[in-house]
N, C-alpha and C. Protein backbone atom coordinates (compact mmCIF):
# COMPACT_ATOMS: atom_id res chain seq x y z
N MET A 1 -36.58 -35.45 8.29
CA MET A 1 -36.52 -34.22 7.49
C MET A 1 -36.86 -33.04 8.38
N VAL A 2 -36.01 -32.03 8.38
CA VAL A 2 -36.24 -30.84 9.19
C VAL A 2 -36.62 -29.69 8.27
N ARG A 3 -37.76 -29.07 8.55
CA ARG A 3 -38.21 -27.97 7.72
C ARG A 3 -37.56 -26.67 8.17
N GLU A 4 -37.01 -25.94 7.23
CA GLU A 4 -36.41 -24.65 7.54
C GLU A 4 -37.49 -23.67 7.99
N ALA A 5 -37.09 -22.70 8.83
CA ALA A 5 -38.05 -21.75 9.39
C ALA A 5 -38.79 -20.95 8.32
N ASN A 6 -38.09 -20.65 7.22
CA ASN A 6 -38.70 -19.84 6.16
C ASN A 6 -39.27 -20.69 5.03
N GLU A 7 -39.33 -21.98 5.24
CA GLU A 7 -39.81 -22.89 4.20
C GLU A 7 -41.32 -23.09 4.37
N PRO A 8 -42.13 -22.71 3.39
CA PRO A 8 -43.58 -22.82 3.54
C PRO A 8 -44.04 -24.27 3.61
N GLU A 9 -45.15 -24.49 4.30
CA GLU A 9 -45.75 -25.82 4.40
C GLU A 9 -47.14 -25.77 3.79
N VAL A 10 -47.42 -26.71 2.92
CA VAL A 10 -48.69 -26.74 2.19
C VAL A 10 -49.34 -28.11 2.40
N VAL A 11 -50.61 -28.12 2.73
CA VAL A 11 -51.33 -29.38 2.93
C VAL A 11 -52.13 -29.71 1.67
N ARG A 12 -51.99 -30.94 1.22
CA ARG A 12 -52.74 -31.39 0.06
C ARG A 12 -53.40 -32.75 0.37
N LYS A 13 -54.69 -32.83 0.12
CA LYS A 13 -55.44 -34.07 0.34
C LYS A 13 -55.50 -34.85 -0.97
N LEU A 14 -55.00 -36.07 -0.93
CA LEU A 14 -54.89 -36.90 -2.13
C LEU A 14 -55.64 -38.21 -1.92
N VAL A 15 -56.37 -38.64 -2.93
CA VAL A 15 -57.14 -39.87 -2.86
C VAL A 15 -56.55 -40.91 -3.80
N LEU A 16 -56.38 -42.14 -3.29
CA LEU A 16 -55.85 -43.25 -4.07
C LEU A 16 -57.00 -44.17 -4.45
N LEU A 17 -57.19 -44.37 -5.76
CA LEU A 17 -58.27 -45.19 -6.27
C LEU A 17 -57.72 -46.33 -7.11
N GLY A 18 -58.40 -47.45 -7.07
CA GLY A 18 -57.99 -48.59 -7.87
C GLY A 18 -58.69 -49.85 -7.40
N ALA A 19 -58.69 -50.85 -8.26
CA ALA A 19 -59.34 -52.12 -7.93
C ALA A 19 -58.53 -52.88 -6.87
N ARG A 20 -59.11 -53.94 -6.36
CA ARG A 20 -58.39 -54.80 -5.42
C ARG A 20 -57.09 -55.30 -6.06
N ASP A 21 -56.08 -55.39 -5.26
CA ASP A 21 -54.79 -55.92 -5.68
C ASP A 21 -54.14 -55.08 -6.78
N SER A 22 -54.48 -53.78 -6.81
CA SER A 22 -53.85 -52.89 -7.78
C SER A 22 -52.49 -52.41 -7.31
N GLY A 23 -52.19 -52.63 -6.03
CA GLY A 23 -50.90 -52.22 -5.49
C GLY A 23 -50.91 -50.88 -4.79
N LYS A 24 -52.05 -50.19 -4.77
CA LYS A 24 -52.10 -48.83 -4.21
C LYS A 24 -51.82 -48.79 -2.71
N SER A 25 -52.30 -49.79 -1.97
CA SER A 25 -52.09 -49.80 -0.52
C SER A 25 -50.62 -50.00 -0.18
N SER A 26 -49.94 -50.83 -0.95
CA SER A 26 -48.51 -51.03 -0.73
C SER A 26 -47.72 -49.77 -1.05
N VAL A 27 -48.15 -49.06 -2.09
CA VAL A 27 -47.49 -47.79 -2.44
C VAL A 27 -47.71 -46.75 -1.34
N ALA A 28 -48.93 -46.67 -0.83
CA ALA A 28 -49.23 -45.73 0.24
C ALA A 28 -48.38 -46.02 1.47
N LEU A 29 -48.25 -47.30 1.80
CA LEU A 29 -47.46 -47.71 2.96
C LEU A 29 -45.98 -47.41 2.75
N ARG A 30 -45.49 -47.65 1.56
CA ARG A 30 -44.08 -47.37 1.25
C ARG A 30 -43.81 -45.87 1.33
N PHE A 31 -44.72 -45.07 0.80
CA PHE A 31 -44.53 -43.62 0.81
C PHE A 31 -44.65 -43.05 2.22
N ALA A 32 -45.62 -43.54 2.99
CA ALA A 32 -45.89 -42.95 4.29
C ALA A 32 -45.02 -43.50 5.42
N GLU A 33 -44.68 -44.80 5.34
CA GLU A 33 -43.91 -45.39 6.44
C GLU A 33 -42.58 -45.97 6.02
N LYS A 34 -42.26 -45.87 4.74
CA LYS A 34 -40.98 -46.34 4.22
C LYS A 34 -40.77 -47.83 4.45
N ARG A 35 -41.83 -48.60 4.28
CA ARG A 35 -41.69 -50.05 4.41
C ARG A 35 -42.61 -50.74 3.41
N PHE A 36 -42.30 -52.00 3.16
CA PHE A 36 -43.10 -52.79 2.23
C PHE A 36 -43.66 -53.99 2.97
N GLY A 37 -44.91 -54.31 2.69
CA GLY A 37 -45.52 -55.47 3.33
C GLY A 37 -46.38 -55.09 4.50
N GLY A 38 -46.91 -56.09 5.18
CA GLY A 38 -47.79 -55.85 6.32
C GLY A 38 -49.17 -56.35 6.02
N THR A 39 -50.03 -56.28 7.01
CA THR A 39 -51.40 -56.76 6.87
C THR A 39 -52.21 -55.82 6.00
N TYR A 40 -52.97 -56.41 5.09
CA TYR A 40 -53.79 -55.60 4.17
C TYR A 40 -55.21 -56.14 4.17
N ASP A 41 -56.16 -55.29 4.50
CA ASP A 41 -57.57 -55.62 4.43
C ASP A 41 -58.20 -54.72 3.38
N PRO A 42 -58.57 -55.29 2.21
CA PRO A 42 -59.07 -54.47 1.11
C PRO A 42 -60.42 -53.81 1.38
N THR A 43 -61.08 -54.15 2.47
CA THR A 43 -62.38 -53.57 2.76
C THR A 43 -62.28 -52.37 3.69
N ILE A 44 -61.07 -52.05 4.17
CA ILE A 44 -60.89 -50.96 5.12
C ILE A 44 -60.28 -49.74 4.44
N GLU A 45 -60.91 -48.58 4.67
CA GLU A 45 -60.38 -47.32 4.15
C GLU A 45 -59.36 -46.79 5.16
N THR A 46 -58.20 -46.39 4.68
CA THR A 46 -57.11 -45.99 5.55
C THR A 46 -56.67 -44.55 5.27
N SER A 47 -56.40 -43.80 6.35
CA SER A 47 -55.89 -42.44 6.22
C SER A 47 -54.44 -42.40 6.69
N LEU A 48 -53.57 -41.83 5.88
CA LEU A 48 -52.16 -41.72 6.19
C LEU A 48 -51.71 -40.29 5.93
N ARG A 49 -50.60 -39.91 6.56
CA ARG A 49 -50.01 -38.60 6.26
C ARG A 49 -48.52 -38.79 6.03
N ALA A 50 -47.99 -38.04 5.09
CA ALA A 50 -46.55 -38.06 4.83
C ALA A 50 -46.15 -36.69 4.32
N GLN A 51 -44.94 -36.27 4.66
CA GLN A 51 -44.42 -35.00 4.18
C GLN A 51 -43.37 -35.25 3.11
N ILE A 52 -43.42 -34.42 2.09
CA ILE A 52 -42.42 -34.50 1.03
C ILE A 52 -41.99 -33.07 0.69
N CYS A 53 -40.69 -32.87 0.57
CA CYS A 53 -40.15 -31.53 0.33
C CYS A 53 -39.46 -31.48 -1.02
N PHE A 54 -39.86 -30.53 -1.85
CA PHE A 54 -39.16 -30.27 -3.10
C PHE A 54 -39.46 -28.84 -3.53
N SER A 55 -38.58 -28.27 -4.32
CA SER A 55 -38.70 -26.88 -4.77
C SER A 55 -38.84 -25.91 -3.61
N GLY A 56 -38.22 -26.25 -2.47
CA GLY A 56 -38.24 -25.35 -1.33
C GLY A 56 -39.54 -25.33 -0.56
N ILE A 57 -40.43 -26.28 -0.81
CA ILE A 57 -41.74 -26.32 -0.15
C ILE A 57 -41.92 -27.68 0.53
N THR A 58 -42.44 -27.67 1.74
CA THR A 58 -42.81 -28.90 2.42
C THR A 58 -44.30 -29.13 2.19
N PHE A 59 -44.61 -30.21 1.49
CA PHE A 59 -46.00 -30.59 1.26
C PHE A 59 -46.38 -31.67 2.27
N THR A 60 -47.43 -31.43 3.03
CA THR A 60 -48.00 -32.46 3.89
C THR A 60 -49.12 -33.13 3.10
N CYS A 61 -48.89 -34.38 2.77
CA CYS A 61 -49.87 -35.12 1.96
C CYS A 61 -50.78 -35.94 2.87
N GLU A 62 -52.05 -35.64 2.83
CA GLU A 62 -53.05 -36.43 3.54
C GLU A 62 -53.59 -37.44 2.54
N LEU A 63 -53.22 -38.71 2.73
CA LEU A 63 -53.57 -39.75 1.77
C LEU A 63 -54.81 -40.51 2.24
N LEU A 64 -55.77 -40.64 1.36
CA LEU A 64 -56.93 -41.47 1.64
C LEU A 64 -56.84 -42.69 0.73
N ASP A 65 -56.50 -43.83 1.34
CA ASP A 65 -56.38 -45.09 0.61
C ASP A 65 -57.73 -45.78 0.69
N THR A 66 -58.51 -45.68 -0.38
CA THR A 66 -59.88 -46.18 -0.37
C THR A 66 -59.93 -47.70 -0.39
N ALA A 67 -61.06 -48.24 0.09
CA ALA A 67 -61.28 -49.68 0.04
C ALA A 67 -61.28 -50.13 -1.42
N GLY A 68 -60.76 -51.31 -1.66
CA GLY A 68 -60.55 -51.74 -3.04
C GLY A 68 -61.65 -52.54 -3.68
N GLN A 69 -62.86 -52.43 -3.19
CA GLN A 69 -63.94 -53.22 -3.75
C GLN A 69 -65.04 -52.32 -4.29
N ASP A 70 -65.38 -52.46 -5.57
CA ASP A 70 -66.45 -51.68 -6.19
C ASP A 70 -66.30 -50.19 -5.92
N GLU A 71 -65.07 -49.69 -6.08
CA GLU A 71 -64.81 -48.29 -5.73
C GLU A 71 -65.61 -47.31 -6.58
N TYR A 72 -65.83 -47.67 -7.83
CA TYR A 72 -66.49 -46.73 -8.72
C TYR A 72 -67.90 -46.41 -8.26
N SER A 73 -68.50 -47.28 -7.41
CA SER A 73 -69.86 -47.01 -6.94
C SER A 73 -69.89 -46.61 -5.48
N SER A 74 -68.73 -46.67 -4.79
CA SER A 74 -68.74 -46.45 -3.35
C SER A 74 -68.37 -45.04 -2.93
N PHE A 75 -67.70 -44.27 -3.79
CA PHE A 75 -67.37 -42.92 -3.38
C PHE A 75 -68.37 -41.93 -3.96
N SER A 76 -68.62 -40.87 -3.19
CA SER A 76 -69.66 -39.90 -3.53
C SER A 76 -69.07 -38.50 -3.61
N ARG A 77 -69.87 -37.56 -4.08
CA ARG A 77 -69.43 -36.17 -4.16
C ARG A 77 -69.07 -35.64 -2.78
N GLN A 78 -69.83 -36.06 -1.76
CA GLN A 78 -69.57 -35.61 -0.40
C GLN A 78 -68.20 -36.07 0.08
N SER A 79 -67.82 -37.31 -0.27
CA SER A 79 -66.54 -37.85 0.19
C SER A 79 -65.35 -37.20 -0.50
N LEU A 80 -65.59 -36.47 -1.58
CA LEU A 80 -64.51 -35.85 -2.34
C LEU A 80 -64.32 -34.37 -2.00
N LEU A 81 -65.10 -33.87 -1.05
CA LEU A 81 -64.95 -32.47 -0.65
C LEU A 81 -63.56 -32.21 -0.08
N GLY A 82 -62.91 -31.16 -0.55
CA GLY A 82 -61.59 -30.80 -0.04
C GLY A 82 -60.44 -31.57 -0.65
N VAL A 83 -60.73 -32.48 -1.58
CA VAL A 83 -59.68 -33.28 -2.21
C VAL A 83 -58.99 -32.45 -3.29
N HIS A 84 -57.66 -32.51 -3.32
CA HIS A 84 -56.89 -31.73 -4.30
C HIS A 84 -56.49 -32.53 -5.54
N GLY A 85 -56.31 -33.85 -5.39
CA GLY A 85 -55.86 -34.63 -6.54
C GLY A 85 -56.06 -36.13 -6.31
N PHE A 86 -55.89 -36.89 -7.39
CA PHE A 86 -56.19 -38.31 -7.37
C PHE A 86 -55.07 -39.13 -8.02
N CYS A 87 -54.79 -40.29 -7.43
CA CYS A 87 -53.90 -41.28 -8.02
C CYS A 87 -54.76 -42.46 -8.43
N LEU A 88 -54.78 -42.79 -9.69
CA LEU A 88 -55.56 -43.93 -10.18
C LEU A 88 -54.60 -45.08 -10.48
N PHE A 89 -54.77 -46.18 -9.74
CA PHE A 89 -53.83 -47.29 -9.76
C PHE A 89 -54.35 -48.51 -10.51
N PHE A 90 -53.43 -49.18 -11.18
CA PHE A 90 -53.65 -50.54 -11.66
C PHE A 90 -52.34 -51.29 -11.50
N SER A 91 -52.43 -52.61 -11.51
CA SER A 91 -51.22 -53.43 -11.47
C SER A 91 -50.84 -53.82 -12.89
N ILE A 92 -49.59 -53.68 -13.24
CA ILE A 92 -49.16 -54.06 -14.59
C ILE A 92 -49.28 -55.57 -14.80
N THR A 93 -49.47 -56.31 -13.70
CA THR A 93 -49.62 -57.78 -13.79
C THR A 93 -51.09 -58.19 -13.87
N SER A 94 -51.98 -57.24 -13.95
CA SER A 94 -53.41 -57.55 -13.96
C SER A 94 -54.15 -56.69 -14.98
N LEU A 95 -54.51 -57.29 -16.09
CA LEU A 95 -55.29 -56.58 -17.09
C LEU A 95 -56.65 -56.19 -16.53
N GLN A 96 -57.18 -57.03 -15.66
CA GLN A 96 -58.48 -56.76 -15.05
C GLN A 96 -58.47 -55.46 -14.25
N SER A 97 -57.39 -55.23 -13.49
CA SER A 97 -57.30 -54.00 -12.70
C SER A 97 -57.18 -52.78 -13.61
N PHE A 98 -56.55 -52.96 -14.77
CA PHE A 98 -56.40 -51.89 -15.75
C PHE A 98 -57.76 -51.55 -16.36
N MET A 99 -58.52 -52.58 -16.72
CA MET A 99 -59.83 -52.37 -17.32
C MET A 99 -60.82 -51.76 -16.33
N ALA A 100 -60.67 -52.10 -15.05
CA ALA A 100 -61.58 -51.58 -14.02
C ALA A 100 -61.46 -50.08 -13.84
N LEU A 101 -60.31 -49.53 -14.20
CA LEU A 101 -60.08 -48.10 -14.01
C LEU A 101 -61.02 -47.22 -14.82
N GLN A 102 -61.50 -47.73 -15.95
CA GLN A 102 -62.37 -46.90 -16.78
C GLN A 102 -63.65 -46.54 -16.04
N LYS A 103 -64.22 -47.51 -15.33
CA LYS A 103 -65.44 -47.24 -14.56
C LYS A 103 -65.15 -46.27 -13.42
N ILE A 104 -64.00 -46.44 -12.77
CA ILE A 104 -63.62 -45.55 -11.69
C ILE A 104 -63.44 -44.12 -12.22
N HIS A 105 -62.76 -44.01 -13.35
CA HIS A 105 -62.53 -42.70 -13.95
C HIS A 105 -63.83 -42.05 -14.40
N ASP A 106 -64.72 -42.86 -14.97
CA ASP A 106 -66.01 -42.33 -15.42
C ASP A 106 -66.81 -41.78 -14.23
N ARG A 107 -66.80 -42.53 -13.12
CA ARG A 107 -67.51 -42.09 -11.93
C ARG A 107 -66.90 -40.80 -11.37
N LEU A 108 -65.59 -40.74 -11.36
CA LEU A 108 -64.89 -39.56 -10.87
C LEU A 108 -65.22 -38.34 -11.72
N SER A 109 -65.20 -38.54 -13.02
CA SER A 109 -65.51 -37.45 -13.95
C SER A 109 -66.95 -36.97 -13.77
N GLU A 110 -67.83 -37.91 -13.50
CA GLU A 110 -69.24 -37.61 -13.26
C GLU A 110 -69.41 -36.69 -12.05
N LEU A 111 -68.60 -36.94 -11.02
CA LEU A 111 -68.74 -36.22 -9.75
C LEU A 111 -68.06 -34.86 -9.74
N VAL A 112 -66.88 -34.78 -10.33
CA VAL A 112 -66.11 -33.53 -10.19
C VAL A 112 -65.77 -32.85 -11.50
N GLY A 113 -66.10 -33.45 -12.61
CA GLY A 113 -65.83 -32.80 -13.89
C GLY A 113 -64.53 -33.28 -14.51
N PHE A 114 -64.57 -33.68 -15.74
CA PHE A 114 -63.42 -34.30 -16.41
C PHE A 114 -62.20 -33.40 -16.48
N PHE A 115 -62.41 -32.12 -16.80
CA PHE A 115 -61.27 -31.25 -17.06
C PHE A 115 -60.74 -30.56 -15.80
N SER A 116 -61.36 -30.81 -14.66
CA SER A 116 -60.94 -30.10 -13.44
C SER A 116 -60.28 -31.01 -12.42
N VAL A 117 -59.87 -32.20 -12.83
CA VAL A 117 -59.36 -33.17 -11.88
C VAL A 117 -57.85 -33.38 -12.05
N PRO A 118 -57.04 -32.86 -11.15
CA PRO A 118 -55.60 -33.18 -11.19
C PRO A 118 -55.43 -34.66 -10.82
N MET A 119 -54.79 -35.40 -11.69
CA MET A 119 -54.62 -36.83 -11.42
C MET A 119 -53.34 -37.35 -12.06
N VAL A 120 -52.95 -38.54 -11.60
CA VAL A 120 -51.85 -39.25 -12.21
C VAL A 120 -52.24 -40.72 -12.32
N LEU A 121 -51.94 -41.33 -13.44
CA LEU A 121 -52.19 -42.74 -13.65
C LEU A 121 -50.95 -43.51 -13.24
N VAL A 122 -51.14 -44.55 -12.42
CA VAL A 122 -50.00 -45.29 -11.85
C VAL A 122 -50.08 -46.77 -12.20
N GLY A 123 -49.02 -47.28 -12.82
CA GLY A 123 -48.88 -48.71 -13.07
C GLY A 123 -47.98 -49.31 -12.01
N ALA A 124 -48.56 -50.01 -11.05
CA ALA A 124 -47.80 -50.55 -9.92
C ALA A 124 -47.25 -51.95 -10.22
N LYS A 125 -46.36 -52.40 -9.35
CA LYS A 125 -45.74 -53.73 -9.41
C LYS A 125 -44.86 -53.90 -10.65
N CYS A 126 -44.19 -52.83 -11.08
CA CYS A 126 -43.39 -52.93 -12.30
C CYS A 126 -42.11 -53.74 -12.11
N ASP A 127 -41.84 -54.16 -10.87
CA ASP A 127 -40.70 -55.05 -10.62
C ASP A 127 -40.99 -56.46 -11.13
N ASP A 128 -42.27 -56.80 -11.28
CA ASP A 128 -42.67 -58.15 -11.68
C ASP A 128 -42.87 -58.21 -13.20
N GLU A 129 -41.81 -57.96 -13.93
CA GLU A 129 -41.87 -57.83 -15.38
C GLU A 129 -42.29 -59.13 -16.07
N THR A 130 -41.93 -60.25 -15.50
CA THR A 130 -42.25 -61.54 -16.13
C THR A 130 -43.75 -61.83 -16.14
N ARG A 131 -44.49 -61.18 -15.26
CA ARG A 131 -45.95 -61.39 -15.18
C ARG A 131 -46.73 -60.22 -15.76
N ARG A 132 -46.05 -59.33 -16.46
CA ARG A 132 -46.71 -58.13 -17.01
C ARG A 132 -47.81 -58.51 -17.99
N GLN A 133 -49.00 -57.89 -17.78
CA GLN A 133 -50.13 -58.07 -18.68
C GLN A 133 -50.53 -56.77 -19.37
N VAL A 134 -50.04 -55.65 -18.83
CA VAL A 134 -50.35 -54.34 -19.41
C VAL A 134 -49.03 -53.67 -19.79
N SER A 135 -48.89 -53.36 -21.05
CA SER A 135 -47.64 -52.76 -21.51
C SER A 135 -47.52 -51.31 -21.09
N LYS A 136 -46.31 -50.82 -21.08
CA LYS A 136 -46.09 -49.42 -20.77
C LYS A 136 -46.78 -48.53 -21.79
N ALA A 137 -46.79 -48.97 -23.04
CA ALA A 137 -47.44 -48.20 -24.10
C ALA A 137 -48.94 -48.07 -23.85
N GLN A 138 -49.56 -49.13 -23.32
CA GLN A 138 -50.99 -49.08 -23.00
C GLN A 138 -51.26 -48.07 -21.89
N GLY A 139 -50.40 -48.08 -20.88
CA GLY A 139 -50.55 -47.13 -19.79
C GLY A 139 -50.39 -45.70 -20.28
N GLU A 140 -49.39 -45.47 -21.11
CA GLU A 140 -49.14 -44.13 -21.65
C GLU A 140 -50.29 -43.66 -22.53
N ALA A 141 -50.86 -44.58 -23.30
CA ALA A 141 -51.98 -44.23 -24.19
C ALA A 141 -53.21 -43.83 -23.38
N LEU A 142 -53.48 -44.56 -22.30
CA LEU A 142 -54.64 -44.23 -21.46
C LEU A 142 -54.43 -42.89 -20.77
N ALA A 143 -53.22 -42.66 -20.28
CA ALA A 143 -52.91 -41.38 -19.62
C ALA A 143 -53.07 -40.22 -20.60
N GLU A 144 -52.64 -40.43 -21.84
CA GLU A 144 -52.78 -39.39 -22.86
C GLU A 144 -54.26 -39.10 -23.14
N ALA A 145 -55.05 -40.17 -23.18
CA ALA A 145 -56.49 -40.00 -23.42
C ALA A 145 -57.16 -39.24 -22.28
N TRP A 146 -56.66 -39.42 -21.08
CA TRP A 146 -57.23 -38.76 -19.91
C TRP A 146 -56.57 -37.41 -19.63
N GLY A 147 -55.51 -37.10 -20.35
CA GLY A 147 -54.83 -35.82 -20.17
C GLY A 147 -54.05 -35.73 -18.87
N CYS A 148 -53.42 -36.84 -18.49
CA CYS A 148 -52.65 -36.84 -17.25
C CYS A 148 -51.31 -37.54 -17.46
N SER A 149 -50.46 -37.53 -16.45
CA SER A 149 -49.16 -38.19 -16.52
C SER A 149 -49.29 -39.66 -16.15
N TYR A 150 -48.32 -40.45 -16.61
CA TYR A 150 -48.27 -41.88 -16.30
C TYR A 150 -46.95 -42.20 -15.63
N VAL A 151 -47.02 -42.91 -14.50
CA VAL A 151 -45.83 -43.30 -13.75
C VAL A 151 -45.91 -44.79 -13.44
N GLU A 152 -44.83 -45.51 -13.70
CA GLU A 152 -44.75 -46.90 -13.27
C GLU A 152 -43.91 -46.96 -12.00
N CYS A 153 -44.29 -47.87 -11.09
CA CYS A 153 -43.61 -47.91 -9.80
C CYS A 153 -43.59 -49.32 -9.23
N SER A 154 -42.77 -49.48 -8.22
CA SER A 154 -42.72 -50.73 -7.45
C SER A 154 -42.56 -50.39 -5.98
N ALA A 155 -43.57 -50.74 -5.18
CA ALA A 155 -43.46 -50.54 -3.73
C ALA A 155 -42.41 -51.49 -3.16
N LYS A 156 -42.28 -52.65 -3.75
CA LYS A 156 -41.32 -53.65 -3.26
C LYS A 156 -39.89 -53.15 -3.37
N SER A 157 -39.54 -52.57 -4.52
CA SER A 157 -38.17 -52.10 -4.74
C SER A 157 -38.01 -50.60 -4.47
N ASN A 158 -39.11 -49.94 -4.09
CA ASN A 158 -39.12 -48.50 -3.82
C ASN A 158 -38.76 -47.69 -5.06
N TYR A 159 -39.21 -48.17 -6.20
CA TYR A 159 -38.95 -47.48 -7.46
C TYR A 159 -40.14 -46.60 -7.85
N GLY A 160 -39.88 -45.34 -8.14
CA GLY A 160 -40.90 -44.44 -8.67
C GLY A 160 -41.93 -43.95 -7.66
N ILE A 161 -41.74 -44.25 -6.38
CA ILE A 161 -42.75 -43.89 -5.37
C ILE A 161 -42.86 -42.38 -5.20
N ASP A 162 -41.75 -41.72 -4.92
CA ASP A 162 -41.79 -40.26 -4.77
C ASP A 162 -42.25 -39.57 -6.05
N GLU A 163 -41.88 -40.14 -7.19
CA GLU A 163 -42.24 -39.54 -8.48
C GLU A 163 -43.75 -39.43 -8.64
N ILE A 164 -44.49 -40.41 -8.14
CA ILE A 164 -45.95 -40.37 -8.22
C ILE A 164 -46.49 -39.10 -7.59
N PHE A 165 -46.05 -38.86 -6.36
CA PHE A 165 -46.63 -37.78 -5.58
C PHE A 165 -46.08 -36.41 -5.98
N VAL A 166 -44.82 -36.36 -6.37
CA VAL A 166 -44.27 -35.11 -6.89
C VAL A 166 -45.00 -34.73 -8.17
N THR A 167 -45.22 -35.70 -9.05
CA THR A 167 -45.92 -35.45 -10.31
C THR A 167 -47.31 -34.91 -10.05
N LEU A 168 -48.03 -35.51 -9.10
CA LEU A 168 -49.39 -35.07 -8.80
C LEU A 168 -49.40 -33.69 -8.15
N LEU A 169 -48.48 -33.45 -7.22
CA LEU A 169 -48.43 -32.15 -6.55
C LEU A 169 -48.10 -31.03 -7.53
N VAL A 170 -47.20 -31.30 -8.47
CA VAL A 170 -46.88 -30.31 -9.50
C VAL A 170 -48.11 -30.02 -10.36
N GLU A 171 -48.86 -31.06 -10.69
CA GLU A 171 -50.08 -30.89 -11.48
C GLU A 171 -51.11 -30.05 -10.73
N ILE A 172 -51.24 -30.31 -9.43
CA ILE A 172 -52.20 -29.57 -8.61
C ILE A 172 -51.86 -28.08 -8.57
N ASP A 173 -50.56 -27.78 -8.42
CA ASP A 173 -50.14 -26.40 -8.21
C ASP A 173 -49.52 -25.74 -9.44
N LYS A 174 -49.70 -26.34 -10.60
CA LYS A 174 -49.03 -25.82 -11.79
C LYS A 174 -49.47 -24.41 -12.18
N ASP A 175 -50.70 -24.05 -11.85
CA ASP A 175 -51.20 -22.73 -12.23
C ASP A 175 -51.23 -21.73 -11.08
N SER A 176 -50.80 -22.18 -9.90
CA SER A 176 -50.89 -21.31 -8.72
C SER A 176 -49.71 -20.37 -8.57
N GLY A 177 -48.60 -20.68 -9.22
CA GLY A 177 -47.39 -19.88 -9.09
C GLY A 177 -46.58 -20.24 -7.86
N LEU A 178 -47.08 -21.16 -7.05
CA LEU A 178 -46.43 -21.54 -5.80
C LEU A 178 -45.05 -22.14 -6.04
N LEU A 179 -44.95 -23.08 -6.95
CA LEU A 179 -43.68 -23.78 -7.18
C LEU A 179 -42.65 -22.86 -7.81
N GLU A 180 -43.09 -22.01 -8.74
CA GLU A 180 -42.16 -21.09 -9.39
C GLU A 180 -41.61 -20.08 -8.40
N ALA A 181 -42.47 -19.63 -7.50
CA ALA A 181 -42.06 -18.61 -6.54
C ALA A 181 -41.07 -19.14 -5.52
N GLN A 182 -41.16 -20.46 -5.21
CA GLN A 182 -40.32 -21.02 -4.16
C GLN A 182 -39.18 -21.87 -4.69
N ALA A 183 -39.10 -22.04 -6.00
CA ALA A 183 -38.10 -22.95 -6.58
C ALA A 183 -36.69 -22.56 -6.18
N SER A 184 -35.88 -23.57 -5.89
CA SER A 184 -34.47 -23.36 -5.55
C SER A 184 -33.65 -24.45 -6.21
N PRO A 185 -32.53 -24.11 -6.84
CA PRO A 185 -31.73 -25.13 -7.52
C PRO A 185 -31.10 -26.13 -6.56
N ASN A 186 -31.08 -25.83 -5.26
CA ASN A 186 -30.41 -26.71 -4.31
C ASN A 186 -31.37 -27.60 -3.53
N THR A 187 -32.66 -27.58 -3.86
CA THR A 187 -33.62 -28.39 -3.12
C THR A 187 -33.92 -29.68 -3.84
N GLY A 188 -33.64 -30.78 -3.18
CA GLY A 188 -33.98 -32.08 -3.72
C GLY A 188 -35.29 -32.55 -3.12
N VAL A 189 -35.56 -33.84 -3.25
CA VAL A 189 -36.78 -34.40 -2.70
C VAL A 189 -36.46 -35.12 -1.42
N GLN A 190 -37.17 -34.78 -0.34
CA GLN A 190 -37.02 -35.45 0.93
C GLN A 190 -38.40 -35.83 1.43
N THR A 191 -38.50 -36.96 2.10
CA THR A 191 -39.79 -37.38 2.61
C THR A 191 -39.71 -37.75 4.07
N LYS A 192 -40.86 -37.62 4.74
CA LYS A 192 -40.96 -37.94 6.16
C LYS A 192 -42.35 -38.51 6.40
N ALA A 193 -42.43 -39.58 7.18
CA ALA A 193 -43.71 -40.23 7.44
C ALA A 193 -44.38 -39.65 8.67
N VAL A 194 -45.67 -39.39 8.53
CA VAL A 194 -46.48 -38.97 9.68
C VAL A 194 -47.83 -39.68 9.56
N TRP A 195 -48.10 -40.63 10.42
CA TRP A 195 -49.35 -41.38 10.37
C TRP A 195 -50.48 -40.56 10.95
N CYS A 196 -51.70 -40.82 10.49
CA CYS A 196 -52.86 -40.16 11.09
C CYS A 196 -54.01 -41.15 11.13
N GLY A 197 -55.20 -40.65 11.47
CA GLY A 197 -56.37 -41.51 11.56
C GLY A 197 -56.20 -42.49 12.71
N TRP A 198 -56.46 -43.78 12.43
CA TRP A 198 -56.37 -44.78 13.49
C TRP A 198 -54.95 -45.25 13.67
N CYS A 199 -54.04 -44.75 12.86
CA CYS A 199 -52.65 -45.20 12.93
C CYS A 199 -51.85 -44.36 13.95
N LYS A 200 -50.76 -44.92 14.43
CA LYS A 200 -49.91 -44.18 15.36
C LYS A 200 -49.05 -43.19 14.59
N THR A 201 -48.58 -42.16 15.28
CA THR A 201 -47.73 -41.17 14.66
C THR A 201 -46.27 -41.63 14.75
N THR A 202 -45.53 -41.43 13.66
CA THR A 202 -44.11 -41.76 13.66
C THR A 202 -43.33 -40.53 13.34
N GLU A 203 -42.33 -40.23 14.12
CA GLU A 203 -41.50 -39.07 13.87
C GLU A 203 -40.09 -39.53 13.50
């Protein structure tokens, strides 16, 4: 993806939260490196970067993929400084991962305030319909209760991946006037991977 000279670039720091095996790490990898699979260590926190362009704006997303164990007690107010928005993940094949989100959400609300948190609820692994334990209606009901959007996705089939981050970025900037000022009818969604942290950079 080549950014036009007059196209603004905006950096947004996004945190991915969810229980072990919620699918968030696979989604992060699919979004940032355009691939599925690879080695996954649920105890390691990973930083990734990816660019996504829509409405005439290039957003550089700094993704923090948190460790998937006891997340609701492991993140602190200090670790959330500078964060613009949150993706809360569960696997549609795991009722346990869905139920675990309440504690994560409660902890998040405790730290940053319930009404001030741009977030999106994500039901991952929606390609595995035969093993579904959480209905779409359940996901939508929880999102409505939390006042956020709900997106189902599959990192394996690359379904709904960009929608997650576009939805969250729109929520973050909905009151800033940024998207309205830069909107163009000819701009679609384009993405580009840029690794950071301990990862190598890919151009």
